[in-house]
Amino acid sequence: MDRQTLSALAHSDHPIAAPASESTVDRLLGRAIRRPDAHLLDLGCGEGAWLVRALRTHPGITAVGVDISGQGFDRTLEEAARLGATDRLELRQEDVTRYRSPRRADVVLSVGAAYAFGELLPTLEAARGHLAEDGVVLLGDCFWEREPEPALRAELEDGPQKYADLPTTVARVVADGWTPVYGHVSTLAEWDDYEWNWTGSLARWALDHPDHPDRDQALEVSAAHRRSWLEGYRGVLGFVFLLLRPSP
């Protein structure tokens, strides 16, 4: 089973794909969307769950989601059809670093997708290129709640993206020319719900498909992720959502 399929299975019970409750998501979107006809662009949208929630509660907006995977797009478009919002949602399977929007967005989202751009600041640079004048960026990314053990840092920073503590993370964003106008730090309960859903979705699928050739792999990935979370980064790695506007 490839990584994208595993990720889709893991997020099947938590399509928001971030440690946030539904009320948190609605509150963030409500603050970000400041006009009834706003246009939203989600860079690294996953299956597009954030955009569907926005369409459900803001009947005049339009939205485009871009993700290299495309997993879950069919399910999301079906949900948009049930809402009568098919003409207001476009999902594109494309590399977000190469995507060029024909229309400036009033809200640019990038939630847990900074890895696609390499790091946090290149993500914001890309968002700026798509943002309308007086637009808002809704950014979600990890930070260190407390200093991690060297082995844990090496495990979670094995790619180009490195994390900092929350004050340093916000300071970097501000120095890059952005002003935070709202924020939310995921609670431990939100993290736990996200992780139990992530690991549980994989485990349940494996147990429900005992004869599937990928059953053992799914169980192994679920168990490894659960250990990494419970024995490693739980209470150490945090997640912050920032609503950002360009600084004067």
C-alpha atoms as a PDB file:
ATOM      1  CA  MET A   1       0.000   0.000   0.000  1.00  0.00           C
ATOM      2  CA  ASP A   2       1.479   3.367  -1.003  1.00  0.00           C
ATOM      3  CA  ARG A   3       1.882   6.279   1.388  1.00  0.00           C
ATOM      4  CA  GLN A   4      -0.967   8.323  -0.076  1.00  0.00           C
ATOM      5  CA  THR A   5      -3.443   5.453   0.321  1.00  0.00           C
ATOM      6  CA  LEU A   6      -2.309   4.857   3.900  1.00  0.00           C
ATOM      7  CA  SER A   7      -2.750   8.541   4.671  1.00  0.00           C
ATOM      8  CA  ALA A   8      -6.238   8.569   3.153  1.00  0.00           C
ATOM      9  CA  LEU A   9      -7.253   5.576   5.271  1.00  0.00           C
ATOM     10  CA  ALA A  10      -5.781   7.129   8.392  1.00  0.00           C
ATOM     11  CA  HIS A  11      -7.710  10.366   7.858  1.00  0.00           C
ATOM     12  CA  SER A  12     -11.001   8.678   6.949  1.00  0.00           C
ATOM     13  CA  ASP A  13     -12.423   9.337  10.435  1.00  0.00           C
ATOM     14  CA  HIS A  14     -10.807  12.769  10.726  1.00  0.00           C
ATOM     15  CA  PRO A  15     -10.809  14.351   7.252  1.00  0.00           C
ATOM     16  CA  ILE A  16      -9.913  17.783   8.656  1.00  0.00           C
ATOM     17  CA  ALA A  17      -6.350  16.352   8.805  1.00  0.00           C
ATOM     18  CA  ALA A  18      -5.283  18.632  11.647  1.00  0.00           C
ATOM     19  CA  PRO A  19      -5.587  18.562  15.443  1.00  0.00           C
ATOM     20  CA  ALA A  20      -8.670  20.732  15.657  1.00  0.00           C
ATOM     21  CA  SER A  21     -12.268  20.265  16.709  1.00  0.00           C
ATOM     22  CA  GLU A  22     -15.115  21.066  14.335  1.00  0.00           C
ATOM     23  CA  SER A  23     -15.959  24.123  16.432  1.00  0.00           C
ATOM     24  CA  THR A  24     -12.358  25.327  16.154  1.00  0.00           C
ATOM     25  CA  VAL A  25     -12.419  24.922  12.367  1.00  0.00           C
ATOM     26  CA  ASP A  26     -15.708  26.804  12.079  1.00  0.00           C
ATOM     27  CA  ARG A  27     -14.418  29.598  14.328  1.00  0.00           C
ATOM     28  CA  LEU A  28     -11.218  29.985  12.291  1.00  0.00           C
ATOM     29  CA  LEU A  29     -13.092  29.996   9.002  1.00  0.00           C
ATOM     30  CA  GLY A  30     -15.652  32.441  10.374  1.00  0.00           C
ATOM     31  CA  ARG A  31     -12.911  34.890  11.277  1.00  0.00           C
ATOM     32  CA  ALA A  32     -11.030  34.399   7.994  1.00  0.00           C
ATOM     33  CA  ILE A  33     -14.019  34.844   5.671  1.00  0.00           C
ATOM     34  CA  ARG A  34     -14.878  38.519   5.900  1.00  0.00           C
ATOM     35  CA  ARG A  35     -17.121  39.005   2.859  1.00  0.00           C
ATOM     36  CA  PRO A  36     -20.108  36.993   1.623  1.00  0.00           C
ATOM     37  CA  ASP A  37     -18.647  36.469  -1.876  1.00  0.00           C
ATOM     38  CA  ALA A  38     -15.119  35.607  -0.759  1.00  0.00           C
ATOM     39  CA  HIS A  39     -12.886  33.359  -2.865  1.00  0.00           C
ATOM     40  CA  LEU A  40     -10.858  30.717  -0.990  1.00  0.00           C
ATOM     41  CA  LEU A  41      -7.743  28.850  -2.108  1.00  0.00           C
ATOM     42  CA  ASP A  42      -6.441  25.875  -0.104  1.00  0.00           C
ATOM     43  CA  LEU A  43      -2.817  24.955  -0.891  1.00  0.00           C
ATOM     44  CA  GLY A  44      -2.318  21.328   0.108  1.00  0.00           C
ATOM     45  CA  CYS A  45      -6.031  20.792   0.708  1.00  0.00           C
ATOM     46  CA  GLY A  46      -5.945  17.023   1.348  1.00  0.00           C
ATOM     47  CA  GLU A  47      -9.380  15.810   0.373  1.00  0.00           C
ATOM     48  CA  GLY A  48     -10.801  19.328   0.702  1.00  0.00           C
ATOM     49  CA  ALA A  49     -12.624  18.997   4.018  1.00  0.00           C
ATOM     50  CA  TRP A  50     -11.906  22.580   5.152  1.00  0.00           C
ATOM     51  CA  LEU A  51     -13.391  23.952   1.944  1.00  0.00           C
ATOM     52  CA  VAL A  52     -16.548  21.848   2.279  1.00  0.00           C
ATOM     53  CA  ARG A  53     -17.092  23.190   5.797  1.00  0.00           C
ATOM     54  CA  ALA A  54     -16.632  26.728   4.490  1.00  0.00           C
ATOM     55  CA  LEU A  55     -19.101  26.157   1.645  1.00  0.00           C
ATOM     56  CA  ARG A  56     -21.655  24.690   4.051  1.00  0.00           C
ATOM     57  CA  THR A  57     -21.687  27.711   6.348  1.00  0.00           C
ATOM     58  CA  HIS A  58     -20.981  30.492   3.815  1.00  0.00           C
ATOM     59  CA  PRO A  59     -23.367  30.001   0.875  1.00  0.00           C
ATOM     60  CA  GLY A  60     -21.954  32.826  -1.264  1.00  0.00           C
ATOM     61  CA  ILE A  61     -18.274  31.894  -1.373  1.00  0.00           C
ATOM     62  CA  THR A  62     -16.260  30.044  -4.015  1.00  0.00           C
ATOM     63  CA  ALA A  63     -13.307  27.767  -3.362  1.00  0.00           C
ATOM     64  CA  VAL A  64     -10.404  26.006  -5.062  1.00  0.00           C
ATOM     65  CA  GLY A  65      -8.358  23.236  -3.457  1.00  0.00           C
ATOM     66  CA  VAL A  66      -5.009  22.021  -4.761  1.00  0.00           C
ATOM     67  CA  ASP A  67      -3.257  18.845  -3.682  1.00  0.00           C
ATOM     68  CA  ILE A  68      -0.785  16.527  -5.378  1.00  0.00           C
ATOM     69  CA  SER A  69      -2.651  13.431  -4.168  1.00  0.00           C
ATOM     70  CA  GLY A  70      -6.262  13.757  -5.199  1.00  0.00           C
ATOM     71  CA  GLN A  71      -7.239  11.095  -2.636  1.00  0.00           C
ATOM     72  CA  GLY A  72     -10.757  11.693  -1.404  1.00  0.00           C
ATOM     73  CA  PHE A  73     -11.643  14.248  -4.079  1.00  0.00           C
ATOM     74  CA  ASP A  74     -14.563  12.139  -5.356  1.00  0.00           C
ATOM     75  CA  ARG A  75     -16.091  11.909  -1.873  1.00  0.00           C
ATOM     76  CA  THR A  76     -15.670  15.647  -1.336  1.00  0.00           C
ATOM     77  CA  LEU A  77     -17.260  16.538  -4.658  1.00  0.00           C
ATOM     78  CA  GLU A  78     -20.195  14.264  -3.814  1.00  0.00           C
ATOM     79  CA  GLU A  79     -20.645  16.133  -0.540  1.00  0.00           C
ATOM     80  CA  ALA A  80     -20.475  19.447  -2.401  1.00  0.00           C
ATOM     81  CA  ALA A  81     -23.191  18.155  -4.743  1.00  0.00           C
ATOM     82  CA  ARG A  82     -25.404  17.295  -1.756  1.00  0.00           C
ATOM     83  CA  LEU A  83     -24.932  20.866  -0.547  1.00  0.00           C
ATOM     84  CA  GLY A  84     -25.819  22.253  -3.972  1.00  0.00           C
ATOM     85  CA  ALA A  85     -22.338  23.772  -4.167  1.00  0.00           C
ATOM     86  CA  THR A  86     -20.794  21.903  -7.102  1.00  0.00           C
ATOM     87  CA  ASP A  87     -20.447  25.105  -9.111  1.00  0.00           C
ATOM     88  CA  ARG A  88     -18.644  26.804  -6.220  1.00  0.00           C
ATOM     89  CA  LEU A  89     -15.905  24.206  -5.637  1.00  0.00           C
ATOM     90  CA  GLU A  90     -12.973  23.173  -7.793  1.00  0.00           C
ATOM     91  CA  LEU A  91     -10.442  20.544  -6.714  1.00  0.00           C
ATOM     92  CA  ARG A  92      -7.201  20.259  -8.668  1.00  0.00           C
ATOM     93  CA  GLN A  93      -4.718  17.381  -8.468  1.00  0.00           C
ATOM     94  CA  GLU A  94      -1.550  19.344  -8.984  1.00  0.00           C
ATOM     95  CA  ASP A  95       1.793  20.203  -7.388  1.00  0.00           C
ATOM     96  CA  VAL A  96       1.046  23.204  -5.168  1.00  0.00           C
ATOM     97  CA  THR A  97       4.496  24.667  -5.827  1.00  0.00           C
ATOM     98  CA  ARG A  98       3.676  24.894  -9.539  1.00  0.00           C
ATOM     99  CA  TYR A  99       0.053  25.944  -9.295  1.00  0.00           C
ATOM    100  CA  ARG A 100      -0.750  29.433 -10.549  1.00  0.00           C
ATOM    101  CA  SER A 101      -4.186  30.761  -9.730  1.00  0.00           C
ATOM    102  CA  PRO A 102      -6.028  32.772 -12.384  1.00  0.00           C
ATOM    103  CA  ARG A 103      -7.851  34.603  -9.596  1.00  0.00           C
ATOM    104  CA  ARG A 104      -6.596  36.230  -6.421  1.00  0.00           C
ATOM    105  CA  ALA A 105      -7.977  34.693  -3.232  1.00  0.00           C
ATOM    106  CA  ASP A 106      -9.510  36.557  -0.317  1.00  0.00           C
ATOM    107  CA  VAL A 107      -8.458  33.673   1.940  1.00  0.00           C
ATOM    108  CA  VAL A 108      -5.460  31.413   1.315  1.00  0.00           C
ATOM    109  CA  LEU A 109      -5.317  28.316   3.510  1.00  0.00           C
ATOM    110  CA  SER A 110      -2.292  26.144   4.178  1.00  0.00           C
ATOM    111  CA  VAL A 111      -2.934  23.787   7.085  1.00  0.00           C
ATOM    112  CA  GLY A 112      -0.246  21.220   7.858  1.00  0.00           C
ATOM    113  CA  ALA A 113       1.104  21.503   4.308  1.00  0.00           C
ATOM    114  CA  ALA A 114       4.300  23.513   4.756  1.00  0.00           C
ATOM    115  CA  TYR A 115       6.342  20.386   3.978  1.00  0.00           C
ATOM    116  CA  ALA A 116       5.157  20.707   0.362  1.00  0.00           C
ATOM    117  CA  PHE A 117       7.021  24.007   0.080  1.00  0.00           C
ATOM    118  CA  GLY A 118      10.003  22.932   2.186  1.00  0.00           C
ATOM    119  CA  GLU A 119       9.475  25.168   5.214  1.00  0.00           C
ATOM    120  CA  LEU A 120       7.187  27.715   6.793  1.00  0.00           C
ATOM    121  CA  LEU A 121       8.447  30.909   5.147  1.00  0.00           C
ATOM    122  CA  PRO A 122       8.391  29.539   1.568  1.00  0.00           C
ATOM    123  CA  THR A 123       4.788  28.530   2.298  1.00  0.00           C
ATOM    124  CA  LEU A 124       3.947  32.104   3.222  1.00  0.00           C
ATOM    125  CA  GLU A 125       5.782  33.394   0.161  1.00  0.00           C
ATOM    126  CA  ALA A 126       3.631  31.149  -2.033  1.00  0.00           C
ATOM    127  CA  ALA A 127       0.466  32.262  -0.222  1.00  0.00           C
ATOM    128  CA  ARG A 128       1.377  35.905  -0.756  1.00  0.00           C
ATOM    129  CA  GLY A 129       1.567  35.298  -4.490  1.00  0.00           C
ATOM    130  CA  HIS A 130      -2.054  34.129  -4.550  1.00  0.00           C
ATOM    131  CA  LEU A 131      -3.505  36.617  -2.060  1.00  0.00           C
ATOM    132  CA  ALA A 132      -5.862  39.447  -2.939  1.00  0.00           C
ATOM    133  CA  GLU A 133      -5.277  42.904  -1.561  1.00  0.00           C
ATOM    134  CA  ASP A 134      -6.417  42.957   2.069  1.00  0.00           C
ATOM    135  CA  GLY A 135      -6.661  39.148   2.018  1.00  0.00           C
ATOM    136  CA  VAL A 136      -6.113  36.759   4.908  1.00  0.00           C
ATOM    137  CA  VAL A 137      -3.887  33.704   5.211  1.00  0.00           C
ATOM    138  CA  LEU A 138      -5.015  30.837   7.445  1.00  0.00           C
ATOM    139  CA  LEU A 139      -1.841  28.987   8.348  1.00  0.00           C
ATOM    140  CA  GLY A 140      -1.544  25.823  10.417  1.00  0.00           C
ATOM    141  CA  ASP A 141       1.788  24.325  11.388  1.00  0.00           C
ATOM    142  CA  CYS A 142       3.676  22.478  14.113  1.00  0.00           C
ATOM    143  CA  PHE A 143       5.936  23.934  16.789  1.00  0.00           C
ATOM    144  CA  TRP A 144       7.778  22.570  19.815  1.00  0.00           C
ATOM    145  CA  GLU A 145       5.747  22.889  23.008  1.00  0.00           C
ATOM    146  CA  ARG A 146       8.946  22.077  24.892  1.00  0.00           C
ATOM    147  CA  GLU A 147      12.465  21.132  23.897  1.00  0.00           C
ATOM    148  CA  PRO A 148      12.424  17.609  22.414  1.00  0.00           C
ATOM    149  CA  GLU A 149      14.933  14.875  23.027  1.00  0.00           C
ATOM    150  CA  PRO A 150      17.600  14.808  20.284  1.00  0.00           C
ATOM    151  CA  ALA A 151      16.325  11.492  18.910  1.00  0.00           C
ATOM    152  CA  LEU A 152      12.754  12.812  18.688  1.00  0.00           C
ATOM    153  CA  ARG A 153      13.903  15.993  16.975  1.00  0.00           C
ATOM    154  CA  ALA A 154      15.864  13.940  14.463  1.00  0.00           C
ATOM    155  CA  GLU A 155      12.842  11.707  13.823  1.00  0.00           C
ATOM    156  CA  LEU A 156      10.372  14.541  13.220  1.00  0.00           C
ATOM    157  CA  GLU A 157      12.779  16.875  11.432  1.00  0.00           C
ATOM    158  CA  ASP A 158      14.176  14.323   8.991  1.00  0.00           C
ATOM    159  CA  GLY A 159      13.142  16.483   6.007  1.00  0.00           C
ATOM    160  CA  PRO A 160      13.753  20.127   5.110  1.00  0.00           C
ATOM    161  CA  GLN A 161      11.199  21.462   7.597  1.00  0.00           C
ATOM    162  CA  LYS A 162      12.482  22.382  11.050  1.00  0.00           C
ATOM    163  CA  TYR A 163      10.369  23.484  13.990  1.00  0.00           C
ATOM    164  CA  ALA A 164      10.880  26.119  16.675  1.00  0.00           C
ATOM    165  CA  ASP A 165       9.071  27.064  19.866  1.00  0.00           C
ATOM    166  CA  LEU A 166       5.875  29.110  19.584  1.00  0.00           C
ATOM    167  CA  PRO A 167       7.379  32.573  20.296  1.00  0.00           C
ATOM    168  CA  THR A 168      10.126  31.982  17.732  1.00  0.00           C
ATOM    169  CA  THR A 169       7.656  30.633  15.174  1.00  0.00           C
ATOM    170  CA  VAL A 170       5.422  33.693  15.502  1.00  0.00           C
ATOM    171  CA  ALA A 171       8.435  36.038  15.482  1.00  0.00           C
ATOM    172  CA  ARG A 172       9.637  34.529  12.194  1.00  0.00           C
ATOM    173  CA  VAL A 173       6.209  35.020  10.649  1.00  0.00           C
ATOM    174  CA  VAL A 174       6.075  38.642  11.823  1.00  0.00           C
ATOM    175  CA  ALA A 175       9.602  39.329  10.557  1.00  0.00           C
ATOM    176  CA  ASP A 176       8.512  37.974   7.184  1.00  0.00           C
ATOM    177  CA  GLY A 177       5.976  40.766   6.856  1.00  0.00           C
ATOM    178  CA  TRP A 178       2.820  39.362   8.422  1.00  0.00           C
ATOM    179  CA  THR A 179       0.603  40.512  11.285  1.00  0.00           C
ATOM    180  CA  PRO A 180      -1.289  37.868  13.286  1.00  0.00           C
ATOM    181  CA  VAL A 181      -4.900  38.928  13.822  1.00  0.00           C
ATOM    182  CA  TYR A 182      -6.030  35.704  15.523  1.00  0.00           C
ATOM    183  CA  GLY A 183      -4.651  32.342  16.534  1.00  0.00           C
ATOM    184  CA  HIS A 184      -5.448  29.034  18.149  1.00  0.00           C
ATOM    185  CA  VAL A 185      -3.112  26.488  19.723  1.00  0.00           C
ATOM    186  CA  SER A 186      -4.460  22.955  19.536  1.00  0.00           C
ATOM    187  CA  THR A 187      -5.385  21.557  22.932  1.00  0.00           C
ATOM    188  CA  LEU A 188      -4.096  18.201  24.120  1.00  0.00           C
ATOM    189  CA  ALA A 189      -7.634  16.857  23.734  1.00  0.00           C
ATOM    190  CA  GLU A 190      -7.705  17.961  20.078  1.00  0.00           C
ATOM    191  CA  TRP A 191      -4.316  16.329  19.466  1.00  0.00           C
ATOM    192  CA  ASP A 192      -5.436  13.107  21.169  1.00  0.00           C
ATOM    193  CA  ASP A 193      -8.668  12.924  19.190  1.00  0.00           C
ATOM    194  CA  TYR A 194      -6.730  13.439  15.953  1.00  0.00           C
ATOM    195  CA  GLU A 195      -4.141  10.769  16.780  1.00  0.00           C
ATOM    196  CA  TRP A 196      -6.642   8.174  18.034  1.00  0.00           C
ATOM    197  CA  ASN A 197      -8.587   8.636  14.824  1.00  0.00           C
ATOM    198  CA  TRP A 198      -5.412   8.433  12.706  1.00  0.00           C
ATOM    199  CA  THR A 199      -4.157   5.212  14.243  1.00  0.00           C
ATOM    200  CA  GLY A 200      -7.618   3.745  14.853  1.00  0.00           C
ATOM    201  CA  SER A 201      -8.799   4.191  11.266  1.00  0.00           C
ATOM    202  CA  LEU A 202      -5.870   2.168   9.963  1.00  0.00           C
ATOM    203  CA  ALA A 203      -6.223  -0.505  12.631  1.00  0.00           C
ATOM    204  CA  ARG A 204      -9.958  -0.873  12.106  1.00  0.00           C
ATOM    205  CA  TRP A 205      -9.552  -1.172   8.323  1.00  0.00           C
ATOM    206  CA  ALA A 206      -6.914  -3.889   8.801  1.00  0.00           C
ATOM    207  CA  LEU A 207      -9.065  -5.835  11.245  1.00  0.00           C
ATOM    208  CA  ASP A 208     -12.078  -5.552   8.941  1.00  0.00           C
ATOM    209  CA  HIS A 209     -10.063  -6.895   5.977  1.00  0.00           C
ATOM    210  CA  PRO A 210      -8.201  -9.930   7.382  1.00  0.00           C
ATOM    211  CA  ASP A 211      -7.508 -11.377   3.930  1.00  0.00           C
ATOM    212  CA  HIS A 212      -6.273  -8.185   2.295  1.00  0.00           C
ATOM    213  CA  PRO A 213      -2.584  -8.344   1.277  1.00  0.00           C
ATOM    214  CA  ASP A 214      -1.930  -4.940   2.879  1.00  0.00           C
ATOM    215  CA  ARG A 215      -3.518  -5.834   6.204  1.00  0.00           C
ATOM    216  CA  ASP A 216      -0.228  -6.452   8.052  1.00  0.00           C
ATOM    217  CA  GLN A 217       1.331  -3.285   6.693  1.00  0.00           C
ATOM    218  CA  ALA A 218      -1.617  -1.191   7.878  1.00  0.00           C
ATOM    219  CA  LEU A 219      -1.426  -2.709  11.364  1.00  0.00           C
ATOM    220  CA  GLU A 220       2.326  -2.108  11.521  1.00  0.00           C
ATOM    221  CA  VAL A 221       2.007   1.519  10.417  1.00  0.00           C
ATOM    222  CA  SER A 222      -0.785   2.121  12.923  1.00  0.00           C
ATOM    223  CA  ALA A 223       1.203   0.608  15.787  1.00  0.00           C
ATOM    224  CA  ALA A 224       4.411   2.449  14.866  1.00  0.00           C
ATOM    225  CA  HIS A 225       2.607   5.784  14.657  1.00  0.00           C
ATOM    226  CA  ARG A 226       0.848   5.160  17.974  1.00  0.00           C
ATOM    227  CA  ARG A 227       4.163   4.419  19.696  1.00  0.00           C
ATOM    228  CA  SER A 228       5.807   7.482  18.167  1.00  0.00           C
ATOM    229  CA  TRP A 229       2.965   9.638  19.432  1.00  0.00           C
ATOM    230  CA  LEU A 230       2.392   8.179  22.909  1.00  0.00           C
ATOM    231  CA  GLU A 231       6.036   7.506  23.730  1.00  0.00           C
ATOM    232  CA  GLY A 232       7.514  10.452  21.859  1.00  0.00           C
ATOM    233  CA  TYR A 233       5.876  13.688  20.793  1.00  0.00           C
ATOM    234  CA  ARG A 234       2.643  13.734  22.843  1.00  0.00           C
ATOM    235  CA  GLY A 235       2.769  16.973  24.835  1.00  0.00           C
ATOM    236  CA  VAL A 236       6.032  17.938  23.113  1.00  0.00           C
ATOM    237  CA  LEU A 237       4.946  18.787  19.581  1.00  0.00           C
ATOM    238  CA  GLY A 238       2.286  21.469  19.311  1.00  0.00           C
ATOM    239  CA  PHE A 239       0.149  22.818  16.498  1.00  0.00           C
ATOM    240  CA  VAL A 240      -0.810  26.443  15.964  1.00  0.00           C
ATOM    241  CA  PHE A 241      -3.302  28.094  13.627  1.00  0.00           C
ATOM    242  CA  LEU A 242      -2.566  31.702  12.701  1.00  0.00           C
ATOM    243  CA  LEU A 243      -4.776  34.158  10.854  1.00  0.00           C
ATOM    244  CA  LEU A 244      -2.358  36.495   9.091  1.00  0.00           C
ATOM    245  CA  ARG A 245      -2.655  39.722   7.162  1.00  0.00           C
ATOM    246  CA  PRO A 246       0.197  41.429   5.322  1.00  0.00           C
ATOM    247  CA  SER A 247       1.851  44.036   7.505  1.00  0.00           C
ATOM    248  CA  PRO A 248       1.740  47.664   6.325  1.00  0.00           C
END
